[in-house]
Amino acid sequence: MAEITAQMVKDLREATGAGPLDCKKALEQNAGDFQKSADFLREKGLAKAAKKLGSDRAMNEGLIESYLHFNKRIGVMVEVNCETDFVAATEAFQQFAKDLALHIANLAPAYVRREEIPQNVIDAERHMQLRILKEDPKNAKKPDDILEKIIEGRMDKFFEEIVLLEQPFLKDDSKTIAQLLQELVATVGERCDIRRFARFQLGATVESSDEA
């Protein structure tokens, strides 16, 4: 077994933000391999985050972040919640909120989560996709169950375009906003959530996710 030095633990702590005992255990379980240990800690943190995201603890703290485009034609306000004012004051939480506001300004989602979309909007999109498919001669002989699978795929794409949590992150499209939120929870160690946002564009209708 490779010798685990204090410097190795320190380096891993700085890279991952995990506690010293967790870092030492990760290094021991991965024979001192830095990258494998970092990946191990990240997976462990994300697993904990998934549990926290599913909990029912109250989130009465957080912040409202704003973004104003340089030409002052697009503006965003977004509310991000957490459980404690301590976490709300952390750099990780505040940077997440800033990135979120910038993302919303550029990708213009309409809803935070899929469940917020009115059923009539979903039905209208499904009917339109079905009509487009049936108007294509290539689909004339395809059974309804095949057409339904095609529509489901197109609906997933539709949701990805208008639902904030399902959009690829502006700064790193290898992850979605939902995954970014999960990483935040793993980093700060408590439940966080995106409650609502409003996006303003000069001359356009206000795009708001406010549930009230």
N, C-alpha and C. Protein backbone atom coordinates (compact mmCIF):
# COMPACT_ATOMS: atom_id res chain seq x y z
N MET A 1 0.83 -1.20 0.00
CA MET A 1 0.00 0.00 0.00
C MET A 1 0.87 1.25 0.00
N ALA A 2 0.51 2.23 -0.81
CA ALA A 2 1.27 3.47 -0.89
C ALA A 2 1.15 4.26 0.40
N GLU A 3 2.23 4.93 0.78
CA GLU A 3 2.21 5.75 2.00
C GLU A 3 1.38 7.01 1.75
N ILE A 4 0.43 7.28 2.65
CA ILE A 4 -0.42 8.45 2.53
C ILE A 4 0.16 9.56 3.41
N THR A 5 0.68 10.59 2.77
CA THR A 5 1.32 11.67 3.51
C THR A 5 0.34 12.80 3.80
N ALA A 6 0.71 13.65 4.74
CA ALA A 6 -0.12 14.81 5.09
C ALA A 6 -0.28 15.74 3.90
N GLN A 7 0.78 15.84 3.07
CA GLN A 7 0.71 16.71 1.90
C GLN A 7 -0.29 16.18 0.88
N MET A 8 -0.34 14.88 0.73
CA MET A 8 -1.31 14.27 -0.19
C MET A 8 -2.73 14.56 0.26
N VAL A 9 -2.96 14.44 1.57
CA VAL A 9 -4.29 14.74 2.12
C VAL A 9 -4.62 16.21 1.91
N LYS A 10 -3.65 17.07 2.16
CA LYS A 10 -3.86 18.52 2.00
C LYS A 10 -4.20 18.86 0.55
N ASP A 11 -3.47 18.28 -0.40
CA ASP A 11 -3.70 18.56 -1.81
C ASP A 11 -5.11 18.10 -2.23
N LEU A 12 -5.51 16.95 -1.74
CA LEU A 12 -6.83 16.42 -2.09
C LEU A 12 -7.93 17.28 -1.47
N ARG A 13 -7.71 17.75 -0.25
CA ARG A 13 -8.68 18.63 0.40
C ARG A 13 -8.88 19.91 -0.40
N GLU A 14 -7.79 20.50 -0.84
CA GLU A 14 -7.86 21.75 -1.60
C GLU A 14 -8.56 21.55 -2.94
N ALA A 15 -8.40 20.37 -3.51
CA ALA A 15 -8.99 20.10 -4.82
C ALA A 15 -10.47 19.75 -4.74
N THR A 16 -10.88 19.13 -3.64
CA THR A 16 -12.25 18.63 -3.56
C THR A 16 -13.12 19.32 -2.52
N GLY A 17 -12.49 19.94 -1.51
CA GLY A 17 -13.27 20.57 -0.44
C GLY A 17 -13.78 19.57 0.58
N ALA A 18 -13.37 18.31 0.47
CA ALA A 18 -13.81 17.28 1.42
C ALA A 18 -13.01 17.39 2.71
N GLY A 19 -13.52 16.76 3.79
CA GLY A 19 -12.85 16.79 5.08
C GLY A 19 -11.58 15.96 5.07
N PRO A 20 -10.67 16.22 6.02
CA PRO A 20 -9.38 15.51 6.05
C PRO A 20 -9.51 14.00 6.21
N LEU A 21 -10.44 13.54 7.07
CA LEU A 21 -10.61 12.10 7.26
C LEU A 21 -11.14 11.43 5.99
N ASP A 22 -12.10 12.10 5.33
CA ASP A 22 -12.63 11.56 4.07
C ASP A 22 -11.54 11.48 3.01
N CYS A 23 -10.69 12.51 2.96
CA CYS A 23 -9.59 12.52 1.98
C CYS A 23 -8.60 11.40 2.26
N LYS A 24 -8.27 11.20 3.53
CA LYS A 24 -7.33 10.15 3.90
C LYS A 24 -7.90 8.77 3.53
N LYS A 25 -9.18 8.54 3.83
CA LYS A 25 -9.81 7.26 3.51
C LYS A 25 -9.86 7.03 2.01
N ALA A 26 -10.16 8.10 1.26
CA ALA A 26 -10.23 7.98 -0.20
C ALA A 26 -8.87 7.61 -0.77
N LEU A 27 -7.81 8.23 -0.27
CA LEU A 27 -6.46 7.92 -0.73
C LEU A 27 -6.07 6.48 -0.37
N GLU A 28 -6.45 6.06 0.82
CA GLU A 28 -6.13 4.69 1.25
C GLU A 28 -6.86 3.67 0.38
N GLN A 29 -8.13 3.95 0.06
CA GLN A 29 -8.91 3.00 -0.73
C GLN A 29 -8.50 2.99 -2.20
N ASN A 30 -7.79 4.02 -2.63
CA ASN A 30 -7.38 4.11 -4.04
C ASN A 30 -5.87 4.10 -4.21
N ALA A 31 -5.18 3.48 -3.22
CA ALA A 31 -3.72 3.26 -3.29
C ALA A 31 -2.95 4.55 -3.55
N GLY A 32 -3.47 5.67 -3.02
CA GLY A 32 -2.75 6.93 -3.14
C GLY A 32 -2.92 7.63 -4.47
N ASP A 33 -3.75 7.07 -5.37
CA ASP A 33 -3.96 7.69 -6.68
C ASP A 33 -4.84 8.93 -6.52
N PHE A 34 -4.27 10.09 -6.88
CA PHE A 34 -4.95 11.37 -6.63
C PHE A 34 -6.25 11.48 -7.42
N GLN A 35 -6.22 11.19 -8.71
CA GLN A 35 -7.40 11.35 -9.56
C GLN A 35 -8.51 10.38 -9.16
N LYS A 36 -8.15 9.13 -8.90
CA LYS A 36 -9.15 8.15 -8.49
C LYS A 36 -9.77 8.54 -7.15
N SER A 37 -8.95 9.09 -6.27
CA SER A 37 -9.45 9.52 -4.96
C SER A 37 -10.40 10.70 -5.10
N ALA A 38 -10.05 11.63 -5.98
CA ALA A 38 -10.90 12.80 -6.22
C ALA A 38 -12.24 12.37 -6.82
N ASP A 39 -12.19 11.43 -7.78
CA ASP A 39 -13.42 10.92 -8.39
C ASP A 39 -14.27 10.19 -7.36
N PHE A 40 -13.62 9.44 -6.48
CA PHE A 40 -14.33 8.71 -5.42
C PHE A 40 -15.07 9.69 -4.51
N LEU A 41 -14.40 10.76 -4.11
CA LEU A 41 -15.01 11.75 -3.23
C LEU A 41 -16.15 12.48 -3.93
N ARG A 42 -15.97 12.76 -5.21
CA ARG A 42 -17.02 13.45 -5.97
C ARG A 42 -18.27 12.58 -6.06
N GLU A 43 -18.10 11.29 -6.36
CA GLU A 43 -19.25 10.39 -6.46
C GLU A 43 -19.94 10.25 -5.11
N LYS A 44 -19.15 10.19 -4.05
CA LYS A 44 -19.71 10.08 -2.71
C LYS A 44 -20.51 11.34 -2.37
N GLY A 45 -19.96 12.49 -2.74
CA GLY A 45 -20.64 13.76 -2.48
C GLY A 45 -21.93 13.87 -3.26
N LEU A 46 -21.94 13.43 -4.52
CA LEU A 46 -23.14 13.50 -5.34
C LEU A 46 -24.22 12.55 -4.82
N ALA A 47 -23.81 11.42 -4.29
CA ALA A 47 -24.77 10.48 -3.72
C ALA A 47 -25.46 11.10 -2.50
N LYS A 48 -24.66 11.77 -1.67
CA LYS A 48 -25.23 12.46 -0.51
C LYS A 48 -26.16 13.58 -0.96
N ALA A 49 -25.74 14.27 -2.03
CA ALA A 49 -26.54 15.39 -2.53
C ALA A 49 -27.91 14.90 -3.01
N ALA A 50 -27.95 13.74 -3.66
CA ALA A 50 -29.21 13.21 -4.16
C ALA A 50 -30.17 12.96 -3.00
N LYS A 51 -29.64 12.48 -1.87
CA LYS A 51 -30.48 12.27 -0.69
C LYS A 51 -31.01 13.58 -0.15
N LYS A 52 -30.12 14.57 -0.09
CA LYS A 52 -30.53 15.88 0.43
C LYS A 52 -31.59 16.53 -0.45
N LEU A 53 -31.43 16.40 -1.77
CA LEU A 53 -32.40 16.99 -2.69
C LEU A 53 -33.78 16.36 -2.53
N GLY A 54 -33.82 15.12 -2.05
CA GLY A 54 -35.10 14.46 -1.87
C GLY A 54 -35.69 14.63 -0.48
N SER A 55 -35.01 15.37 0.39
CA SER A 55 -35.50 15.54 1.75
C SER A 55 -36.56 16.63 1.82
N ASP A 56 -37.18 16.75 2.99
CA ASP A 56 -38.27 17.72 3.17
C ASP A 56 -37.88 18.88 4.08
N ARG A 57 -36.61 19.07 4.32
CA ARG A 57 -36.19 20.16 5.20
C ARG A 57 -36.51 21.51 4.58
N ALA A 58 -36.90 22.46 5.45
CA ALA A 58 -37.31 23.78 4.96
C ALA A 58 -36.11 24.56 4.41
N MET A 59 -36.36 25.33 3.37
CA MET A 59 -35.34 26.20 2.79
C MET A 59 -35.86 27.64 2.82
N ASN A 60 -35.54 28.33 3.90
CA ASN A 60 -36.02 29.70 4.08
C ASN A 60 -34.93 30.75 3.89
N GLU A 61 -33.74 30.30 3.52
CA GLU A 61 -32.63 31.22 3.30
C GLU A 61 -32.25 31.18 1.81
N GLY A 62 -31.26 31.97 1.45
CA GLY A 62 -30.81 32.03 0.06
C GLY A 62 -30.56 33.45 -0.38
N LEU A 63 -30.76 33.69 -1.66
CA LEU A 63 -30.56 35.05 -2.17
C LEU A 63 -31.30 35.23 -3.49
N ILE A 64 -31.46 36.49 -3.84
CA ILE A 64 -32.01 36.84 -5.15
C ILE A 64 -30.87 37.47 -5.94
N GLU A 65 -30.52 36.84 -7.05
CA GLU A 65 -29.43 37.32 -7.89
C GLU A 65 -30.02 37.99 -9.13
N SER A 66 -29.31 39.00 -9.63
CA SER A 66 -29.79 39.69 -10.83
C SER A 66 -28.68 39.75 -11.88
N TYR A 67 -29.10 39.92 -13.10
CA TYR A 67 -28.15 40.07 -14.22
C TYR A 67 -28.72 41.09 -15.19
N LEU A 68 -27.89 42.01 -15.63
CA LEU A 68 -28.29 42.99 -16.62
C LEU A 68 -27.29 42.95 -17.77
N HIS A 69 -27.78 42.67 -18.98
CA HIS A 69 -26.91 42.59 -20.14
C HIS A 69 -26.26 43.94 -20.41
N PHE A 70 -25.08 43.91 -21.05
CA PHE A 70 -24.30 45.14 -21.23
C PHE A 70 -25.06 46.23 -21.99
N ASN A 71 -25.97 45.82 -22.87
CA ASN A 71 -26.73 46.82 -23.64
C ASN A 71 -28.05 47.20 -22.96
N LYS A 72 -28.25 46.63 -21.77
CA LYS A 72 -29.43 46.92 -20.95
C LYS A 72 -30.75 46.58 -21.66
N ARG A 73 -30.71 45.57 -22.52
CA ARG A 73 -31.92 45.13 -23.21
C ARG A 73 -32.46 43.81 -22.66
N ILE A 74 -31.64 43.14 -21.84
CA ILE A 74 -32.06 41.88 -21.21
C ILE A 74 -31.68 41.93 -19.73
N GLY A 75 -32.63 41.57 -18.87
CA GLY A 75 -32.37 41.52 -17.44
C GLY A 75 -33.00 40.28 -16.83
N VAL A 76 -32.39 39.78 -15.75
CA VAL A 76 -32.88 38.56 -15.09
C VAL A 76 -32.84 38.74 -13.59
N MET A 77 -33.85 38.20 -12.91
CA MET A 77 -33.82 38.05 -11.46
C MET A 77 -34.16 36.59 -11.16
N VAL A 78 -33.37 35.97 -10.28
CA VAL A 78 -33.60 34.57 -9.94
C VAL A 78 -33.46 34.38 -8.43
N GLU A 79 -34.37 33.60 -7.86
CA GLU A 79 -34.32 33.29 -6.43
C GLU A 79 -33.80 31.87 -6.24
N VAL A 80 -32.70 31.75 -5.47
CA VAL A 80 -32.12 30.45 -5.15
C VAL A 80 -32.18 30.28 -3.64
N ASN A 81 -32.70 29.16 -3.18
CA ASN A 81 -32.91 28.93 -1.75
C ASN A 81 -31.96 27.88 -1.19
N CYS A 82 -31.71 27.99 0.12
CA CYS A 82 -30.95 27.00 0.86
C CYS A 82 -31.49 26.97 2.29
N GLU A 83 -30.87 26.19 3.14
CA GLU A 83 -31.40 26.01 4.50
C GLU A 83 -30.85 27.03 5.50
N THR A 84 -29.62 27.52 5.30
CA THR A 84 -29.00 28.41 6.29
C THR A 84 -28.40 29.63 5.63
N ASP A 85 -28.32 30.72 6.41
CA ASP A 85 -27.69 31.94 5.90
C ASP A 85 -26.19 31.75 5.73
N PHE A 86 -25.62 30.80 6.47
CA PHE A 86 -24.19 30.50 6.33
C PHE A 86 -23.88 30.04 4.91
N VAL A 87 -24.68 29.09 4.40
CA VAL A 87 -24.47 28.58 3.04
C VAL A 87 -24.75 29.66 2.01
N ALA A 88 -25.78 30.48 2.27
CA ALA A 88 -26.11 31.56 1.33
C ALA A 88 -24.96 32.53 1.14
N ALA A 89 -24.09 32.62 2.15
CA ALA A 89 -22.96 33.56 2.09
C ALA A 89 -21.70 32.94 1.49
N THR A 90 -21.74 31.64 1.18
CA THR A 90 -20.55 30.99 0.64
C THR A 90 -20.30 31.39 -0.81
N GLU A 91 -19.05 31.32 -1.20
CA GLU A 91 -18.68 31.67 -2.58
C GLU A 91 -19.32 30.72 -3.58
N ALA A 92 -19.38 29.42 -3.21
CA ALA A 92 -19.95 28.43 -4.12
C ALA A 92 -21.42 28.71 -4.41
N PHE A 93 -22.18 29.05 -3.38
CA PHE A 93 -23.61 29.32 -3.55
C PHE A 93 -23.82 30.59 -4.37
N GLN A 94 -23.06 31.63 -4.05
CA GLN A 94 -23.23 32.90 -4.76
C GLN A 94 -22.78 32.80 -6.21
N GLN A 95 -21.73 32.02 -6.46
CA GLN A 95 -21.28 31.84 -7.85
C GLN A 95 -22.31 31.07 -8.65
N PHE A 96 -22.94 30.07 -8.02
CA PHE A 96 -24.00 29.31 -8.67
C PHE A 96 -25.13 30.24 -9.09
N ALA A 97 -25.54 31.14 -8.19
CA ALA A 97 -26.63 32.06 -8.49
C ALA A 97 -26.26 33.01 -9.64
N LYS A 98 -25.01 33.48 -9.64
CA LYS A 98 -24.56 34.38 -10.72
C LYS A 98 -24.55 33.65 -12.06
N ASP A 99 -24.03 32.42 -12.06
CA ASP A 99 -23.99 31.63 -13.29
C ASP A 99 -25.41 31.33 -13.78
N LEU A 100 -26.31 31.11 -12.83
CA LEU A 100 -27.69 30.80 -13.18
C LEU A 100 -28.36 31.99 -13.85
N ALA A 101 -28.15 33.18 -13.29
CA ALA A 101 -28.74 34.38 -13.88
C ALA A 101 -28.22 34.62 -15.30
N LEU A 102 -26.92 34.42 -15.48
CA LEU A 102 -26.32 34.57 -16.81
C LEU A 102 -26.89 33.53 -17.78
N HIS A 103 -27.03 32.31 -17.31
CA HIS A 103 -27.59 31.23 -18.13
C HIS A 103 -29.01 31.57 -18.58
N ILE A 104 -29.84 32.01 -17.65
CA ILE A 104 -31.23 32.34 -17.96
C ILE A 104 -31.31 33.47 -18.98
N ALA A 105 -30.44 34.45 -18.84
CA ALA A 105 -30.42 35.58 -19.79
C ALA A 105 -30.14 35.09 -21.21
N ASN A 106 -29.26 34.12 -21.34
CA ASN A 106 -28.83 33.66 -22.66
C ASN A 106 -29.71 32.56 -23.25
N LEU A 107 -30.19 31.62 -22.43
CA LEU A 107 -30.94 30.48 -22.97
C LEU A 107 -32.45 30.62 -22.83
N ALA A 108 -32.90 31.65 -22.11
CA ALA A 108 -34.33 32.02 -22.06
C ALA A 108 -35.28 30.85 -21.76
N PRO A 109 -35.09 30.14 -20.65
CA PRO A 109 -36.08 29.10 -20.29
C PRO A 109 -37.41 29.74 -19.92
N ALA A 110 -38.46 28.95 -19.92
CA ALA A 110 -39.78 29.47 -19.55
C ALA A 110 -40.25 28.96 -18.19
N TYR A 111 -39.70 27.82 -17.75
CA TYR A 111 -40.12 27.21 -16.49
C TYR A 111 -38.90 26.68 -15.75
N VAL A 112 -39.00 26.55 -14.43
CA VAL A 112 -37.90 25.97 -13.66
C VAL A 112 -37.87 24.46 -13.86
N ARG A 113 -39.05 23.82 -13.73
CA ARG A 113 -39.13 22.37 -13.83
C ARG A 113 -40.30 21.94 -14.71
N ARG A 114 -40.24 20.74 -15.19
CA ARG A 114 -41.25 20.23 -16.12
C ARG A 114 -42.65 20.26 -15.54
N GLU A 115 -42.78 20.01 -14.23
CA GLU A 115 -44.09 19.93 -13.59
C GLU A 115 -44.84 21.26 -13.62
N GLU A 116 -44.14 22.36 -13.88
CA GLU A 116 -44.78 23.68 -13.90
C GLU A 116 -45.44 24.00 -15.24
N ILE A 117 -45.16 23.22 -16.25
CA ILE A 117 -45.71 23.51 -17.58
C ILE A 117 -47.21 23.19 -17.60
N PRO A 118 -48.05 24.12 -17.98
CA PRO A 118 -49.49 23.85 -18.06
C PRO A 118 -49.77 22.69 -19.02
N GLN A 119 -50.76 21.88 -18.69
CA GLN A 119 -51.07 20.71 -19.50
C GLN A 119 -51.47 21.09 -20.92
N ASN A 120 -52.13 22.24 -21.07
CA ASN A 120 -52.56 22.65 -22.41
C ASN A 120 -51.37 22.96 -23.31
N VAL A 121 -50.27 23.44 -22.71
CA VAL A 121 -49.06 23.71 -23.50
C VAL A 121 -48.45 22.39 -23.97
N ILE A 122 -48.40 21.41 -23.07
CA ILE A 122 -47.86 20.09 -23.42
C ILE A 122 -48.73 19.43 -24.50
N ASP A 123 -50.05 19.48 -24.31
CA ASP A 123 -50.97 18.87 -25.28
C ASP A 123 -50.84 19.50 -26.65
N ALA A 124 -50.71 20.82 -26.68
CA ALA A 124 -50.59 21.53 -27.96
C ALA A 124 -49.32 21.12 -28.69
N GLU A 125 -48.23 20.96 -27.95
CA GLU A 125 -46.96 20.54 -28.57
C GLU A 125 -47.06 19.11 -29.09
N ARG A 126 -47.66 18.23 -28.32
CA ARG A 126 -47.81 16.83 -28.75
C ARG A 126 -48.66 16.74 -30.02
N HIS A 127 -49.76 17.50 -30.05
CA HIS A 127 -50.65 17.49 -31.22
C HIS A 127 -49.92 18.02 -32.46
N MET A 128 -49.11 19.06 -32.26
CA MET A 128 -48.37 19.62 -33.38
C MET A 128 -47.36 18.61 -33.92
N GLN A 129 -46.64 17.92 -33.01
CA GLN A 129 -45.65 16.94 -33.43
C GLN A 129 -46.31 15.77 -34.15
N LEU A 130 -47.49 15.35 -33.66
CA LEU A 130 -48.22 14.26 -34.33
C LEU A 130 -48.66 14.67 -35.73
N ARG A 131 -49.12 15.90 -35.86
CA ARG A 131 -49.56 16.40 -37.17
C ARG A 131 -48.39 16.46 -38.14
N ILE A 132 -47.23 16.93 -37.66
CA ILE A 132 -46.05 17.02 -38.52
C ILE A 132 -45.63 15.63 -39.00
N LEU A 133 -45.67 14.66 -38.08
CA LEU A 133 -45.28 13.29 -38.45
C LEU A 133 -46.23 12.70 -39.49
N LYS A 134 -47.51 12.89 -39.28
CA LYS A 134 -48.50 12.28 -40.18
C LYS A 134 -48.54 12.95 -41.55
N GLU A 135 -48.08 14.19 -41.60
CA GLU A 135 -48.04 14.88 -42.89
C GLU A 135 -46.84 14.45 -43.73
N ASP A 136 -45.90 13.74 -43.11
CA ASP A 136 -44.72 13.26 -43.82
C ASP A 136 -45.03 11.90 -44.44
N PRO A 137 -44.96 11.79 -45.78
CA PRO A 137 -45.29 10.52 -46.45
C PRO A 137 -44.46 9.33 -45.94
N LYS A 138 -43.27 9.58 -45.44
CA LYS A 138 -42.41 8.50 -44.96
C LYS A 138 -43.03 7.78 -43.76
N ASN A 139 -43.95 8.47 -43.05
CA ASN A 139 -44.53 7.88 -41.86
C ASN A 139 -45.91 7.26 -42.09
N ALA A 140 -46.35 7.24 -43.33
CA ALA A 140 -47.71 6.80 -43.66
C ALA A 140 -48.00 5.37 -43.19
N LYS A 141 -47.00 4.50 -43.27
CA LYS A 141 -47.23 3.10 -42.92
C LYS A 141 -46.70 2.72 -41.53
N LYS A 142 -46.21 3.69 -40.81
CA LYS A 142 -45.67 3.40 -39.47
C LYS A 142 -46.81 3.24 -38.47
N PRO A 143 -46.76 2.21 -37.62
CA PRO A 143 -47.82 2.01 -36.62
C PRO A 143 -47.82 3.12 -35.58
N ASP A 144 -48.94 3.27 -34.89
CA ASP A 144 -49.09 4.36 -33.92
C ASP A 144 -48.07 4.27 -32.77
N ASP A 145 -47.70 3.04 -32.35
CA ASP A 145 -46.76 2.93 -31.23
C ASP A 145 -45.38 3.45 -31.61
N ILE A 146 -45.01 3.30 -32.90
CA ILE A 146 -43.72 3.83 -33.37
C ILE A 146 -43.78 5.36 -33.41
N LEU A 147 -44.89 5.89 -33.91
CA LEU A 147 -45.06 7.34 -33.96
C LEU A 147 -45.03 7.92 -32.54
N GLU A 148 -45.61 7.19 -31.59
CA GLU A 148 -45.64 7.66 -30.20
C GLU A 148 -44.22 7.74 -29.62
N LYS A 149 -43.37 6.78 -29.96
CA LYS A 149 -41.99 6.79 -29.48
C LYS A 149 -41.23 7.98 -30.07
N ILE A 150 -41.50 8.28 -31.34
CA ILE A 150 -40.85 9.43 -31.98
C ILE A 150 -41.29 10.72 -31.31
N ILE A 151 -42.58 10.80 -31.00
CA ILE A 151 -43.12 12.00 -30.35
C ILE A 151 -42.50 12.17 -28.96
N GLU A 152 -42.34 11.07 -28.23
CA GLU A 152 -41.75 11.15 -26.88
C GLU A 152 -40.34 11.72 -26.96
N GLY A 153 -39.58 11.28 -27.96
CA GLY A 153 -38.23 11.81 -28.14
C GLY A 153 -38.24 13.30 -28.44
N ARG A 154 -39.20 13.71 -29.27
CA ARG A 154 -39.30 15.13 -29.61
C ARG A 154 -39.79 15.95 -28.42
N MET A 155 -40.63 15.36 -27.58
CA MET A 155 -41.10 16.06 -26.39
C MET A 155 -39.96 16.27 -25.40
N ASP A 156 -39.07 15.28 -25.27
CA ASP A 156 -37.90 15.45 -24.40
C ASP A 156 -37.06 16.63 -24.86
N LYS A 157 -36.91 16.76 -26.18
CA LYS A 157 -36.16 17.87 -26.74
C LYS A 157 -36.87 19.20 -26.47
N PHE A 158 -38.19 19.18 -26.57
CA PHE A 158 -39.01 20.36 -26.28
C PHE A 158 -38.82 20.80 -24.83
N PHE A 159 -38.86 19.84 -23.90
CA PHE A 159 -38.67 20.16 -22.49
C PHE A 159 -37.26 20.70 -22.24
N GLU A 160 -36.29 20.12 -22.91
CA GLU A 160 -34.90 20.56 -22.74
C GLU A 160 -34.73 22.02 -23.15
N GLU A 161 -35.52 22.45 -24.10
CA GLU A 161 -35.40 23.83 -24.59
C GLU A 161 -36.05 24.85 -23.67
N ILE A 162 -37.13 24.46 -22.96
CA ILE A 162 -37.88 25.46 -22.19
C ILE A 162 -37.80 25.28 -20.68
N VAL A 163 -37.28 24.14 -20.19
CA VAL A 163 -37.23 23.89 -18.75
C VAL A 163 -35.81 24.13 -18.25
N LEU A 164 -35.66 25.04 -17.31
CA LEU A 164 -34.35 25.44 -16.82
C LEU A 164 -33.52 24.26 -16.33
N LEU A 165 -34.07 23.42 -15.48
CA LEU A 165 -33.32 22.31 -14.89
C LEU A 165 -32.85 21.29 -15.93
N GLU A 166 -33.52 21.24 -17.07
CA GLU A 166 -33.16 20.27 -18.11
C GLU A 166 -32.26 20.84 -19.20
N GLN A 167 -32.00 22.13 -19.14
CA GLN A 167 -31.14 22.75 -20.16
C GLN A 167 -29.67 22.44 -19.90
N PRO A 168 -28.88 22.23 -20.96
CA PRO A 168 -27.43 22.12 -20.79
C PRO A 168 -26.88 23.46 -20.27
N PHE A 169 -25.97 23.39 -19.33
CA PHE A 169 -25.41 24.59 -18.70
C PHE A 169 -24.65 25.41 -19.73
N LEU A 170 -24.87 26.71 -19.72
CA LEU A 170 -24.27 27.63 -20.69
C LEU A 170 -22.75 27.50 -20.73
N LYS A 171 -22.11 27.39 -19.58
CA LYS A 171 -20.65 27.38 -19.51
C LYS A 171 -20.04 25.99 -19.69
N ASP A 172 -20.87 24.95 -19.59
CA ASP A 172 -20.38 23.58 -19.73
C ASP A 172 -21.55 22.70 -20.14
N ASP A 173 -21.75 22.53 -21.43
CA ASP A 173 -22.93 21.80 -21.90
C ASP A 173 -22.85 20.29 -21.73
N SER A 174 -21.80 19.81 -21.04
CA SER A 174 -21.73 18.39 -20.71
C SER A 174 -22.59 18.06 -19.51
N LYS A 175 -23.10 19.09 -18.82
CA LYS A 175 -23.96 18.87 -17.66
C LYS A 175 -25.18 19.77 -17.75
N THR A 176 -26.27 19.31 -17.15
CA THR A 176 -27.50 20.10 -17.13
C THR A 176 -27.51 21.00 -15.88
N ILE A 177 -28.47 21.92 -15.84
CA ILE A 177 -28.61 22.77 -14.66
C ILE A 177 -28.97 21.91 -13.44
N ALA A 178 -29.76 20.85 -13.64
CA ALA A 178 -30.09 19.95 -12.53
C ALA A 178 -28.83 19.30 -11.97
N GLN A 179 -27.90 18.90 -12.84
CA GLN A 179 -26.65 18.30 -12.37
C GLN A 179 -25.78 19.35 -11.68
N LEU A 180 -25.81 20.56 -12.19
CA LEU A 180 -25.05 21.64 -11.56
C LEU A 180 -25.59 21.91 -10.15
N LEU A 181 -26.91 21.88 -10.01
CA LEU A 181 -27.53 22.07 -8.69
C LEU A 181 -27.13 20.94 -7.75
N GLN A 182 -27.11 19.73 -8.26
CA GLN A 182 -26.71 18.58 -7.45
C GLN A 182 -25.27 18.73 -6.97
N GLU A 183 -24.40 19.23 -7.82
CA GLU A 183 -23.01 19.45 -7.45
C GLU A 183 -22.90 20.53 -6.37
N LEU A 184 -23.74 21.56 -6.47
CA LEU A 184 -23.74 22.61 -5.45
C LEU A 184 -24.11 22.02 -4.10
N VAL A 185 -25.15 21.20 -4.06
CA VAL A 185 -25.58 20.56 -2.81
C VAL A 185 -24.45 19.72 -2.23
N ALA A 186 -23.75 18.99 -3.09
CA ALA A 186 -22.63 18.17 -2.64
C ALA A 186 -21.51 19.04 -2.06
N THR A 187 -21.32 20.22 -2.63
CA THR A 187 -20.25 21.12 -2.18
C THR A 187 -20.59 21.80 -0.86
N VAL A 188 -21.80 22.34 -0.74
CA VAL A 188 -22.15 23.12 0.46
C VAL A 188 -22.69 22.25 1.58
N GLY A 189 -23.13 21.02 1.28
CA GLY A 189 -23.55 20.10 2.32
C GLY A 189 -24.95 20.29 2.86
N GLU A 190 -25.78 21.01 2.14
CA GLU A 190 -27.18 21.11 2.53
C GLU A 190 -28.06 21.33 1.30
N ARG A 191 -29.35 21.17 1.50
CA ARG A 191 -30.30 21.23 0.39
C ARG A 191 -30.37 22.64 -0.18
N CYS A 192 -30.40 22.73 -1.51
CA CYS A 192 -30.55 23.99 -2.23
C CYS A 192 -31.58 23.79 -3.33
N ASP A 193 -32.18 24.89 -3.77
CA ASP A 193 -33.19 24.77 -4.82
C ASP A 193 -33.33 26.08 -5.57
N ILE A 194 -33.79 25.99 -6.81
CA ILE A 194 -34.11 27.17 -7.61
C ILE A 194 -35.61 27.37 -7.50
N ARG A 195 -36.05 28.46 -6.89
CA ARG A 195 -37.49 28.63 -6.67
C ARG A 195 -38.19 29.25 -7.87
N ARG A 196 -37.65 30.36 -8.38
CA ARG A 196 -38.33 31.06 -9.47
C ARG A 196 -37.37 32.03 -10.14
N PHE A 197 -37.77 32.51 -11.29
CA PHE A 197 -36.98 33.53 -11.98
C PHE A 197 -37.90 34.38 -12.84
N ALA A 198 -37.40 35.53 -13.22
CA ALA A 198 -38.10 36.38 -14.19
C ALA A 198 -37.05 36.90 -15.17
N ARG A 199 -37.37 36.79 -16.44
CA ARG A 199 -36.45 37.26 -17.49
C ARG A 199 -37.14 38.39 -18.26
N PHE A 200 -36.48 39.52 -18.34
CA PHE A 200 -37.02 40.68 -19.04
C PHE A 200 -36.21 40.94 -20.30
N GLN A 201 -36.92 41.14 -21.40
CA GLN A 201 -36.26 41.51 -22.65
C GLN A 201 -37.02 42.70 -23.23
N LEU A 202 -36.29 43.73 -23.56
CA LEU A 202 -36.90 44.97 -24.01
C LEU A 202 -37.89 44.71 -25.16
N GLY A 203 -39.12 45.14 -24.96
CA GLY A 203 -40.15 44.99 -25.99
C GLY A 203 -40.85 43.65 -26.02
N ALA A 204 -40.44 42.73 -25.12
CA ALA A 204 -41.04 41.38 -25.10
C ALA A 204 -41.88 41.20 -23.84
N THR A 205 -42.70 40.16 -23.84
CA THR A 205 -43.50 39.81 -22.67
C THR A 205 -42.58 39.27 -21.58
N VAL A 206 -42.89 39.58 -20.32
CA VAL A 206 -42.10 39.09 -19.20
C VAL A 206 -42.18 37.57 -19.14
N GLU A 207 -41.02 36.91 -19.07
CA GLU A 207 -40.99 35.46 -18.94
C GLU A 207 -40.68 35.13 -17.49
N SER A 208 -41.68 34.67 -16.75
CA SER A 208 -41.52 34.43 -15.31
C SER A 208 -41.92 33.03 -14.95
N SER A 209 -41.17 32.45 -13.98
CA SER A 209 -41.49 31.11 -13.48
C SER A 209 -42.16 31.19 -12.13
N ASP A 210 -42.56 32.37 -11.69
CA ASP A 210 -43.16 32.55 -10.37
C ASP A 210 -44.38 31.68 -10.22
N GLU A 211 -44.40 30.90 -9.15
CA GLU A 211 -45.51 29.98 -8.90
C GLU A 211 -46.72 30.71 -8.29
N ALA A 212 -46.49 31.88 -7.70
CA ALA A 212 -47.56 32.59 -7.01
C ALA A 212 -48.56 33.16 -7.99
